Amino acid sequence: MIDRLHGIGLLVLTMSFLVPLPGGAQTDATTLPEIEELAQNGRSDEARAALLGWWEESRVLASREERQFALWLRGRLTVDPSQAVRDFRRLVVEYPGGPFTARALYRLAQEAYERGATADFERHMASLSRDYPGSSVLAEAEAWVSGTQGVVAPPPVTRSTASERSNENQDDAVTPVDAAPYSVQLGAFSNEGRAAALFDLARAADLNVRLVRMPQSNLIHVRAGRFETSMEATEFSRRVSELGFMAAVVRDARDEELVRGNFRVPSNDRAH
């Protein structure tokens, strides 16, 4: 009886070494430093896909520092300006004094300046000066402000002016759907089974979904819709998010290699 209990104890002890330790994401997803390196090397589309994969697979077990790093990377890499502003604001509000918060304030100040929002610009610069005195980020921001003195910020682009510009530049011919550069990505996985599972869930939600591969990436990407403009893709991504899916706008749809399609009319999908 004693020998039997001793054997069970050894088995339990052996199995305990197989349990992942807390303090970080324990998955095979690309690490955040690797994603940053991709972005620095000009491989932004691949970095965006890898970050979305990390967000799906590693965020739950991620440390506080890793979550800040991920927000900072997503704010820098997204092609949706409103998403960038949301991520930078989260860094400022949720992680005061964090390693990326000063840079997030600087980005918010630049964004406010570009849209002509003087009050927001001055508020962000004041926060940066008050909370991060003597920092290299503040010095960089002050040098940038000095370079913009005397330069009038462009007026904010309204929906009407954007529409007018679009009408002035568009051709009479209709852009084929397959040539549309924007899409909405629901996930990216190294495991084909996980990609297929998300594909089935999205199809059950009546989304026109597809599995694709991308150049220089080993991941399988789950995407829906093809759009000519980022505005259309952003609007669709919000509806996809309302269905409970992660959604990120991407602009490399022309480079896709189809793995599995949904065989539905692929333009201007509607989320029900």
C-alpha atoms as a PDB file:
ATOM      1  CA  MET A   1       0.000   0.000   0.000  1.00  0.00           C
ATOM      2  CA  ILE A   2       2.853   2.382   0.905  1.00  0.00           C
ATOM      3  CA  ASP A   3       4.642   1.591  -2.352  1.00  0.00           C
ATOM      4  CA  ARG A   4       1.441   2.332  -4.289  1.00  0.00           C
ATOM      5  CA  LEU A   5       1.000   5.715  -2.581  1.00  0.00           C
ATOM      6  CA  HIS A   6       4.646   6.507  -3.192  1.00  0.00           C
ATOM      7  CA  GLY A   7       4.169   5.781  -6.915  1.00  0.00           C
ATOM      8  CA  ILE A   8       1.127   8.040  -7.101  1.00  0.00           C
ATOM      9  CA  GLY A   9       3.086  10.830  -5.410  1.00  0.00           C
ATOM     10  CA  LEU A  10       5.872  10.560  -7.941  1.00  0.00           C
ATOM     11  CA  LEU A  11       3.330  10.703 -10.772  1.00  0.00           C
ATOM     12  CA  VAL A  12       1.724  13.854  -9.374  1.00  0.00           C
ATOM     13  CA  LEU A  13       5.136  15.466  -8.883  1.00  0.00           C
ATOM     14  CA  THR A  14       6.153  14.628 -12.435  1.00  0.00           C
ATOM     15  CA  MET A  15       2.933  16.035 -13.896  1.00  0.00           C
ATOM     16  CA  SER A  16       3.329  19.263 -11.929  1.00  0.00           C
ATOM     17  CA  PHE A  17       6.406  20.097 -13.973  1.00  0.00           C
ATOM     18  CA  LEU A  18       4.272  20.025 -17.117  1.00  0.00           C
ATOM     19  CA  VAL A  19       1.975  22.820 -15.916  1.00  0.00           C
ATOM     20  CA  PRO A  20       2.933  26.221 -17.434  1.00  0.00           C
ATOM     21  CA  LEU A  21       4.102  28.752 -14.893  1.00  0.00           C
ATOM     22  CA  PRO A  22       2.263  32.100 -14.621  1.00  0.00           C
ATOM     23  CA  GLY A  23       3.804  35.434 -15.506  1.00  0.00           C
ATOM     24  CA  GLY A  24       3.539  35.473 -19.262  1.00  0.00           C
ATOM     25  CA  ALA A  25       1.942  33.974 -22.319  1.00  0.00           C
ATOM     26  CA  GLN A  26       2.978  30.345 -22.810  1.00  0.00           C
ATOM     27  CA  THR A  27       2.096  29.840 -26.472  1.00  0.00           C
ATOM     28  CA  ASP A  28       3.886  29.399 -29.766  1.00  0.00           C
ATOM     29  CA  ALA A  29       2.689  32.794 -31.018  1.00  0.00           C
ATOM     30  CA  THR A  30       5.247  35.303 -32.255  1.00  0.00           C
ATOM     31  CA  THR A  31       6.628  37.308 -29.340  1.00  0.00           C
ATOM     32  CA  LEU A  32       6.057  41.043 -29.012  1.00  0.00           C
ATOM     33  CA  PRO A  33       9.748  41.949 -29.510  1.00  0.00           C
ATOM     34  CA  GLU A  34       9.729  39.845 -32.682  1.00  0.00           C
ATOM     35  CA  ILE A  35       6.625  41.696 -33.876  1.00  0.00           C
ATOM     36  CA  GLU A  36       8.303  45.041 -33.198  1.00  0.00           C
ATOM     37  CA  GLU A  37      11.335  43.881 -35.172  1.00  0.00           C
ATOM     38  CA  LEU A  38       9.102  42.987 -38.122  1.00  0.00           C
ATOM     39  CA  ALA A  39       7.620  46.491 -38.027  1.00  0.00           C
ATOM     40  CA  GLN A  40      11.048  48.122 -37.806  1.00  0.00           C
ATOM     41  CA  ASN A  41      12.187  46.128 -40.833  1.00  0.00           C
ATOM     42  CA  GLY A  42       9.309  47.474 -42.921  1.00  0.00           C
ATOM     43  CA  ARG A  43       7.232  44.272 -42.750  1.00  0.00           C
ATOM     44  CA  SER A  44       4.202  46.039 -41.298  1.00  0.00           C
ATOM     45  CA  ASP A  45       1.532  43.780 -42.785  1.00  0.00           C
ATOM     46  CA  GLU A  46       3.206  40.682 -41.377  1.00  0.00           C
ATOM     47  CA  ALA A  47       3.661  42.438 -38.036  1.00  0.00           C
ATOM     48  CA  ARG A  48      -0.054  43.290 -37.927  1.00  0.00           C
ATOM     49  CA  ALA A  49      -1.000  39.677 -38.630  1.00  0.00           C
ATOM     50  CA  ALA A  50       1.409  38.361 -36.000  1.00  0.00           C
ATOM     51  CA  LEU A  51       0.099  40.842 -33.418  1.00  0.00           C
ATOM     52  CA  LEU A  52      -3.470  39.756 -34.048  1.00  0.00           C
ATOM     53  CA  GLY A  53      -2.343  36.155 -33.544  1.00  0.00           C
ATOM     54  CA  TRP A  54      -0.654  37.120 -30.270  1.00  0.00           C
ATOM     55  CA  TRP A  55      -3.801  38.935 -29.161  1.00  0.00           C
ATOM     56  CA  GLU A  56      -5.875  35.794 -29.778  1.00  0.00           C
ATOM     57  CA  GLU A  57      -3.486  33.272 -28.249  1.00  0.00           C
ATOM     58  CA  SER A  58      -1.407  35.033 -25.578  1.00  0.00           C
ATOM     59  CA  ARG A  59      -3.277  38.042 -24.181  1.00  0.00           C
ATOM     60  CA  VAL A  60      -5.099  36.162 -21.388  1.00  0.00           C
ATOM     61  CA  LEU A  61      -1.855  34.999 -19.752  1.00  0.00           C
ATOM     62  CA  ALA A  62       0.119  38.126 -20.614  1.00  0.00           C
ATOM     63  CA  SER A  63       1.745  40.230 -17.910  1.00  0.00           C
ATOM     64  CA  ARG A  64       0.835  43.869 -17.294  1.00  0.00           C
ATOM     65  CA  GLU A  65       3.988  44.971 -19.124  1.00  0.00           C
ATOM     66  CA  GLU A  66       3.192  42.752 -22.103  1.00  0.00           C
ATOM     67  CA  ARG A  67      -0.325  44.152 -22.385  1.00  0.00           C
ATOM     68  CA  GLN A  68       1.048  47.686 -22.486  1.00  0.00           C
ATOM     69  CA  PHE A  69       3.567  46.675 -25.141  1.00  0.00           C
ATOM     70  CA  ALA A  70       0.770  45.066 -27.190  1.00  0.00           C
ATOM     71  CA  LEU A  71      -1.419  48.181 -26.997  1.00  0.00           C
ATOM     72  CA  TRP A  72       1.504  50.351 -28.068  1.00  0.00           C
ATOM     73  CA  LEU A  73       2.268  48.092 -31.032  1.00  0.00           C
ATOM     74  CA  ARG A  74      -1.357  47.905 -32.110  1.00  0.00           C
ATOM     75  CA  GLY A  75      -1.711  51.684 -31.945  1.00  0.00           C
ATOM     76  CA  ARG A  76       1.364  52.073 -34.153  1.00  0.00           C
ATOM     77  CA  LEU A  77       0.522  49.336 -36.633  1.00  0.00           C
ATOM     78  CA  THR A  78      -3.213  49.768 -37.203  1.00  0.00           C
ATOM     79  CA  VAL A  79      -4.412  51.393 -40.418  1.00  0.00           C
ATOM     80  CA  ASP A  80      -7.491  52.655 -38.560  1.00  0.00           C
ATOM     81  CA  PRO A  81      -6.712  56.098 -37.018  1.00  0.00           C
ATOM     82  CA  SER A  82      -9.587  55.838 -34.543  1.00  0.00           C
ATOM     83  CA  GLN A  83      -8.241  52.497 -33.272  1.00  0.00           C
ATOM     84  CA  ALA A  84      -4.815  54.065 -32.775  1.00  0.00           C
ATOM     85  CA  VAL A  85      -6.328  56.905 -30.726  1.00  0.00           C
ATOM     86  CA  ARG A  86      -8.278  54.420 -28.591  1.00  0.00           C
ATOM     87  CA  ASP A  87      -5.158  52.354 -27.860  1.00  0.00           C
ATOM     88  CA  PHE A  88      -3.028  55.385 -27.002  1.00  0.00           C
ATOM     89  CA  ARG A  89      -5.771  56.729 -24.733  1.00  0.00           C
ATOM     90  CA  ARG A  90      -5.971  53.369 -22.951  1.00  0.00           C
ATOM     91  CA  LEU A  91      -2.240  53.516 -22.283  1.00  0.00           C
ATOM     92  CA  VAL A  92      -2.597  57.014 -20.807  1.00  0.00           C
ATOM     93  CA  VAL A  93      -5.666  56.251 -18.680  1.00  0.00           C
ATOM     94  CA  GLU A  94      -5.051  52.645 -17.604  1.00  0.00           C
ATOM     95  CA  TYR A  95      -1.260  52.644 -17.309  1.00  0.00           C
ATOM     96  CA  PRO A  96      -0.079  56.044 -16.004  1.00  0.00           C
ATOM     97  CA  GLY A  97       3.688  56.082 -15.650  1.00  0.00           C
ATOM     98  CA  GLY A  98       4.039  52.986 -17.834  1.00  0.00           C
ATOM     99  CA  PRO A  99       6.942  52.441 -20.241  1.00  0.00           C
ATOM    100  CA  PHE A 100       4.868  53.472 -23.272  1.00  0.00           C
ATOM    101  CA  THR A 101       2.597  56.123 -21.772  1.00  0.00           C
ATOM    102  CA  ALA A 102       4.783  59.147 -22.535  1.00  0.00           C
ATOM    103  CA  ARG A 103       5.085  58.075 -26.169  1.00  0.00           C
ATOM    104  CA  ALA A 104       1.326  57.525 -26.307  1.00  0.00           C
ATOM    105  CA  LEU A 105       0.768  61.105 -25.092  1.00  0.00           C
ATOM    106  CA  TYR A 106       3.154  62.376 -27.751  1.00  0.00           C
ATOM    107  CA  ARG A 107       1.251  60.474 -30.458  1.00  0.00           C
ATOM    108  CA  LEU A 108      -2.056  61.859 -29.173  1.00  0.00           C
ATOM    109  CA  ALA A 109      -0.638  65.383 -29.292  1.00  0.00           C
ATOM    110  CA  GLN A 110       0.476  64.865 -32.887  1.00  0.00           C
ATOM    111  CA  GLU A 111      -2.918  63.453 -33.843  1.00  0.00           C
ATOM    112  CA  ALA A 112      -4.723  66.408 -32.254  1.00  0.00           C
ATOM    113  CA  TYR A 113      -2.457  68.856 -34.082  1.00  0.00           C
ATOM    114  CA  GLU A 114      -3.086  67.170 -37.442  1.00  0.00           C
ATOM    115  CA  ARG A 115      -6.869  67.495 -37.068  1.00  0.00           C
ATOM    116  CA  GLY A 116      -6.637  71.072 -35.822  1.00  0.00           C
ATOM    117  CA  ALA A 117      -7.879  70.332 -32.294  1.00  0.00           C
ATOM    118  CA  THR A 118      -5.911  73.012 -30.453  1.00  0.00           C
ATOM    119  CA  ALA A 119      -7.408  72.359 -27.005  1.00  0.00           C
ATOM    120  CA  ASP A 120      -6.634  68.623 -27.156  1.00  0.00           C
ATOM    121  CA  PHE A 121      -3.135  69.309 -28.473  1.00  0.00           C
ATOM    122  CA  GLU A 122      -2.347  71.723 -25.637  1.00  0.00           C
ATOM    123  CA  ARG A 123      -3.824  69.356 -23.042  1.00  0.00           C
ATOM    124  CA  HIS A 124      -1.704  66.400 -24.187  1.00  0.00           C
ATOM    125  CA  MET A 125       1.465  68.504 -24.318  1.00  0.00           C
ATOM    126  CA  ALA A 126       0.751  69.869 -20.823  1.00  0.00           C
ATOM    127  CA  SER A 127       0.293  66.333 -19.475  1.00  0.00           C
ATOM    128  CA  LEU A 128       3.532  65.234 -21.102  1.00  0.00           C
ATOM    129  CA  SER A 129       5.416  68.189 -19.624  1.00  0.00           C
ATOM    130  CA  ARG A 130       3.888  67.762 -16.148  1.00  0.00           C
ATOM    131  CA  ASP A 131       4.124  63.974 -15.799  1.00  0.00           C
ATOM    132  CA  TYR A 132       7.360  63.256 -17.690  1.00  0.00           C
ATOM    133  CA  PRO A 133       9.741  66.181 -17.054  1.00  0.00           C
ATOM    134  CA  GLY A 134      13.251  65.599 -18.324  1.00  0.00           C
ATOM    135  CA  SER A 135      12.246  62.554 -20.390  1.00  0.00           C
ATOM    136  CA  SER A 136      13.667  61.968 -23.865  1.00  0.00           C
ATOM    137  CA  VAL A 137      10.106  61.782 -25.191  1.00  0.00           C
ATOM    138  CA  LEU A 138       9.343  65.276 -23.871  1.00  0.00           C
ATOM    139  CA  ALA A 139      12.527  66.614 -25.456  1.00  0.00           C
ATOM    140  CA  GLU A 140      11.553  65.050 -28.769  1.00  0.00           C
ATOM    141  CA  ALA A 141       8.018  66.464 -28.501  1.00  0.00           C
ATOM    142  CA  GLU A 142       9.302  69.963 -27.717  1.00  0.00           C
ATOM    143  CA  ALA A 143      11.670  69.797 -30.683  1.00  0.00           C
ATOM    144  CA  TRP A 144       8.758  68.754 -32.882  1.00  0.00           C
ATOM    145  CA  VAL A 145       6.629  71.638 -31.582  1.00  0.00           C
ATOM    146  CA  SER A 146       9.455  74.079 -32.305  1.00  0.00           C
ATOM    147  CA  GLY A 147       9.596  72.784 -35.859  1.00  0.00           C
ATOM    148  CA  THR A 148       5.860  73.304 -36.338  1.00  0.00           C
ATOM    149  CA  GLN A 149       5.762  76.883 -35.035  1.00  0.00           C
ATOM    150  CA  GLY A 150       4.380  79.152 -37.686  1.00  0.00           C
ATOM    151  CA  VAL A 151       2.933  76.196 -39.587  1.00  0.00           C
ATOM    152  CA  VAL A 152      -0.841  76.205 -39.686  1.00  0.00           C
ATOM    153  CA  ALA A 153      -2.331  72.831 -38.903  1.00  0.00           C
ATOM    154  CA  PRO A 154      -4.538  71.465 -41.671  1.00  0.00           C
ATOM    155  CA  PRO A 155      -8.269  71.825 -41.063  1.00  0.00           C
ATOM    156  CA  PRO A 156     -10.042  68.718 -39.792  1.00  0.00           C
ATOM    157  CA  VAL A 157     -11.277  66.483 -42.590  1.00  0.00           C
ATOM    158  CA  THR A 158     -15.038  66.160 -42.360  1.00  0.00           C
ATOM    159  CA  ARG A 159     -17.112  63.426 -43.913  1.00  0.00           C
ATOM    160  CA  SER A 160     -18.371  65.843 -46.585  1.00  0.00           C
ATOM    161  CA  THR A 161     -14.922  67.061 -47.621  1.00  0.00           C
ATOM    162  CA  ALA A 162     -13.593  63.515 -47.697  1.00  0.00           C
ATOM    163  CA  SER A 163     -16.492  62.528 -49.925  1.00  0.00           C
ATOM    164  CA  GLU A 164     -15.847  65.484 -52.229  1.00  0.00           C
ATOM    165  CA  ARG A 165     -12.183  64.539 -52.598  1.00  0.00           C
ATOM    166  CA  SER A 166     -13.127  60.949 -53.292  1.00  0.00           C
ATOM    167  CA  ASN A 167     -15.563  62.030 -55.995  1.00  0.00           C
ATOM    168  CA  GLU A 168     -12.947  64.265 -57.599  1.00  0.00           C
ATOM    169  CA  ASN A 169     -10.381  61.452 -57.819  1.00  0.00           C
ATOM    170  CA  GLN A 170     -12.496  58.435 -58.711  1.00  0.00           C
ATOM    171  CA  ASP A 171     -12.726  57.016 -62.232  1.00  0.00           C
ATOM    172  CA  ASP A 172     -15.900  56.072 -64.044  1.00  0.00           C
ATOM    173  CA  ALA A 173     -14.919  52.400 -63.961  1.00  0.00           C
ATOM    174  CA  VAL A 174     -15.936  50.311 -60.944  1.00  0.00           C
ATOM    175  CA  THR A 175     -13.066  48.697 -59.048  1.00  0.00           C
ATOM    176  CA  PRO A 176     -13.333  44.880 -59.163  1.00  0.00           C
ATOM    177  CA  VAL A 177     -13.875  43.317 -55.733  1.00  0.00           C
ATOM    178  CA  ASP A 178     -10.751  41.148 -56.069  1.00  0.00           C
ATOM    179  CA  ALA A 179      -8.676  44.322 -56.551  1.00  0.00           C
ATOM    180  CA  ALA A 180      -9.982  45.993 -53.374  1.00  0.00           C
ATOM    181  CA  PRO A 181      -7.046  46.321 -50.943  1.00  0.00           C
ATOM    182  CA  TYR A 182      -8.829  46.426 -47.578  1.00  0.00           C
ATOM    183  CA  SER A 183     -10.297  43.585 -45.565  1.00  0.00           C
ATOM    184  CA  VAL A 184     -11.203  42.748 -41.972  1.00  0.00           C
ATOM    185  CA  GLN A 185      -9.148  40.096 -40.201  1.00  0.00           C
ATOM    186  CA  LEU A 186     -10.699  38.011 -37.434  1.00  0.00           C
ATOM    187  CA  GLY A 187      -7.590  36.058 -36.489  1.00  0.00           C
ATOM    188  CA  ALA A 188      -4.307  34.518 -37.615  1.00  0.00           C
ATOM    189  CA  PHE A 189      -3.141  31.103 -36.451  1.00  0.00           C
ATOM    190  CA  SER A 190      -0.238  28.724 -36.830  1.00  0.00           C
ATOM    191  CA  ASN A 191      -2.679  25.884 -36.114  1.00  0.00           C
ATOM    192  CA  GLU A 192      -4.943  25.173 -39.093  1.00  0.00           C
ATOM    193  CA  GLY A 193      -7.565  23.542 -36.882  1.00  0.00           C
ATOM    194  CA  ARG A 194      -8.005  26.719 -34.824  1.00  0.00           C
ATOM    195  CA  ALA A 195      -8.278  28.779 -37.988  1.00  0.00           C
ATOM    196  CA  ALA A 196     -10.917  26.408 -39.352  1.00  0.00           C
ATOM    197  CA  ALA A 197     -12.869  26.585 -36.084  1.00  0.00           C
ATOM    198  CA  LEU A 198     -13.013  30.382 -36.257  1.00  0.00           C
ATOM    199  CA  PHE A 199     -13.935  30.134 -39.946  1.00  0.00           C
ATOM    200  CA  ASP A 200     -16.926  27.937 -39.057  1.00  0.00           C
ATOM    201  CA  LEU A 201     -18.042  30.284 -36.260  1.00  0.00           C
ATOM    202  CA  ALA A 202     -17.861  33.305 -38.540  1.00  0.00           C
ATOM    203  CA  ARG A 203     -19.712  31.517 -41.323  1.00  0.00           C
ATOM    204  CA  ALA A 204     -22.426  30.520 -38.833  1.00  0.00           C
ATOM    205  CA  ALA A 205     -22.755  34.233 -38.017  1.00  0.00           C
ATOM    206  CA  ASP A 206     -23.475  34.810 -41.720  1.00  0.00           C
ATOM    207  CA  LEU A 207     -20.144  36.499 -42.428  1.00  0.00           C
ATOM    208  CA  ASN A 208     -18.565  36.097 -45.848  1.00  0.00           C
ATOM    209  CA  VAL A 209     -15.384  34.610 -44.452  1.00  0.00           C
ATOM    210  CA  ARG A 210     -12.301  33.023 -46.010  1.00  0.00           C
ATOM    211  CA  LEU A 211      -9.003  31.427 -44.989  1.00  0.00           C
ATOM    212  CA  VAL A 212      -5.925  32.832 -46.717  1.00  0.00           C
ATOM    213  CA  ARG A 213      -2.152  32.700 -46.592  1.00  0.00           C
ATOM    214  CA  MET A 214       0.074  35.734 -46.954  1.00  0.00           C
ATOM    215  CA  PRO A 215       3.574  36.154 -48.385  1.00  0.00           C
ATOM    216  CA  GLN A 216       6.386  35.719 -45.823  1.00  0.00           C
ATOM    217  CA  SER A 217       3.973  34.436 -43.176  1.00  0.00           C
ATOM    218  CA  ASN A 218       3.445  30.914 -41.846  1.00  0.00           C
ATOM    219  CA  LEU A 219       0.072  31.806 -40.349  1.00  0.00           C
ATOM    220  CA  ILE A 220      -3.391  31.062 -41.699  1.00  0.00           C
ATOM    221  CA  HIS A 221      -5.466  34.246 -41.703  1.00  0.00           C
ATOM    222  CA  VAL A 222      -9.228  34.372 -41.185  1.00  0.00           C
ATOM    223  CA  ARG A 223     -10.721  37.309 -43.082  1.00  0.00           C
ATOM    224  CA  ALA A 224     -14.050  38.709 -44.170  1.00  0.00           C
ATOM    225  CA  GLY A 225     -15.035  41.231 -46.825  1.00  0.00           C
ATOM    226  CA  ARG A 226     -13.130  43.218 -49.444  1.00  0.00           C
ATOM    227  CA  PHE A 227     -13.323  47.016 -49.481  1.00  0.00           C
ATOM    228  CA  GLU A 228     -11.958  49.847 -51.579  1.00  0.00           C
ATOM    229  CA  THR A 229     -11.492  52.275 -48.679  1.00  0.00           C
ATOM    230  CA  SER A 230     -10.386  52.048 -45.064  1.00  0.00           C
ATOM    231  CA  MET A 231     -13.565  53.869 -44.034  1.00  0.00           C
ATOM    232  CA  GLU A 232     -15.749  51.082 -45.435  1.00  0.00           C
ATOM    233  CA  ALA A 233     -13.558  48.422 -43.836  1.00  0.00           C
ATOM    234  CA  THR A 234     -13.592  50.212 -40.473  1.00  0.00           C
ATOM    235  CA  GLU A 235     -17.383  50.449 -40.473  1.00  0.00           C
ATOM    236  CA  PHE A 236     -17.638  46.735 -41.260  1.00  0.00           C
ATOM    237  CA  SER A 237     -15.090  45.858 -38.553  1.00  0.00           C
ATOM    238  CA  ARG A 238     -17.296  47.572 -35.960  1.00  0.00           C
ATOM    239  CA  ARG A 239     -20.250  45.409 -36.982  1.00  0.00           C
ATOM    240  CA  VAL A 240     -18.071  42.303 -36.814  1.00  0.00           C
ATOM    241  CA  SER A 241     -16.949  43.292 -33.305  1.00  0.00           C
ATOM    242  CA  GLU A 242     -20.584  43.650 -32.267  1.00  0.00           C
ATOM    243  CA  LEU A 243     -21.012  39.970 -33.129  1.00  0.00           C
ATOM    244  CA  GLY A 244     -18.341  39.098 -30.560  1.00  0.00           C
ATOM    245  CA  PHE A 245     -15.347  38.619 -32.873  1.00  0.00           C
ATOM    246  CA  MET A 246     -11.956  40.283 -32.740  1.00  0.00           C
ATOM    247  CA  ALA A 247     -11.663  42.487 -35.825  1.00  0.00           C
ATOM    248  CA  ALA A 248      -8.767  44.422 -37.339  1.00  0.00           C
ATOM    249  CA  VAL A 249      -8.618  46.326 -40.605  1.00  0.00           C
ATOM    250  CA  VAL A 250      -5.834  45.176 -42.959  1.00  0.00           C
ATOM    251  CA  ARG A 251      -4.802  46.618 -46.299  1.00  0.00           C
ATOM    252  CA  ASP A 252      -2.922  43.765 -47.964  1.00  0.00           C
ATOM    253  CA  ALA A 253      -5.904  41.855 -49.337  1.00  0.00           C
ATOM    254  CA  ARG A 254      -4.483  41.964 -52.854  1.00  0.00           C
ATOM    255  CA  ASP A 255      -1.637  39.688 -51.739  1.00  0.00           C
ATOM    256  CA  GLU A 256      -3.869  36.933 -50.381  1.00  0.00           C
ATOM    257  CA  GLU A 257      -3.570  33.319 -51.455  1.00  0.00           C
ATOM    258  CA  LEU A 258      -6.966  31.684 -50.925  1.00  0.00           C
ATOM    259  CA  VAL A 259      -6.996  28.504 -48.838  1.00  0.00           C
ATOM    260  CA  ARG A 260     -10.726  28.139 -48.250  1.00  0.00           C
ATOM    261  CA  GLY A 261     -13.613  30.373 -49.276  1.00  0.00           C
ATOM    262  CA  ASN A 262     -17.213  30.746 -48.260  1.00  0.00           C
ATOM    263  CA  PHE A 263     -18.575  30.850 -51.815  1.00  0.00           C
ATOM    264  CA  ARG A 264     -20.759  33.871 -51.237  1.00  0.00           C
ATOM    265  CA  VAL A 265     -20.992  37.205 -53.015  1.00  0.00           C
ATOM    266  CA  PRO A 266     -17.895  38.877 -51.546  1.00  0.00           C
ATOM    267  CA  SER A 267     -18.669  42.617 -51.683  1.00  0.00           C
ATOM    268  CA  ASN A 268     -19.927  44.820 -48.816  1.00  0.00           C
ATOM    269  CA  ASP A 269     -20.773  41.978 -46.434  1.00  0.00           C
ATOM    270  CA  ARG A 270     -23.566  42.615 -43.990  1.00  0.00           C
ATOM    271  CA  ALA A 271     -23.329  41.530 -40.383  1.00  0.00           C
ATOM    272  CA  HIS A 272     -26.703  40.436 -39.047  1.00  0.00           C
END
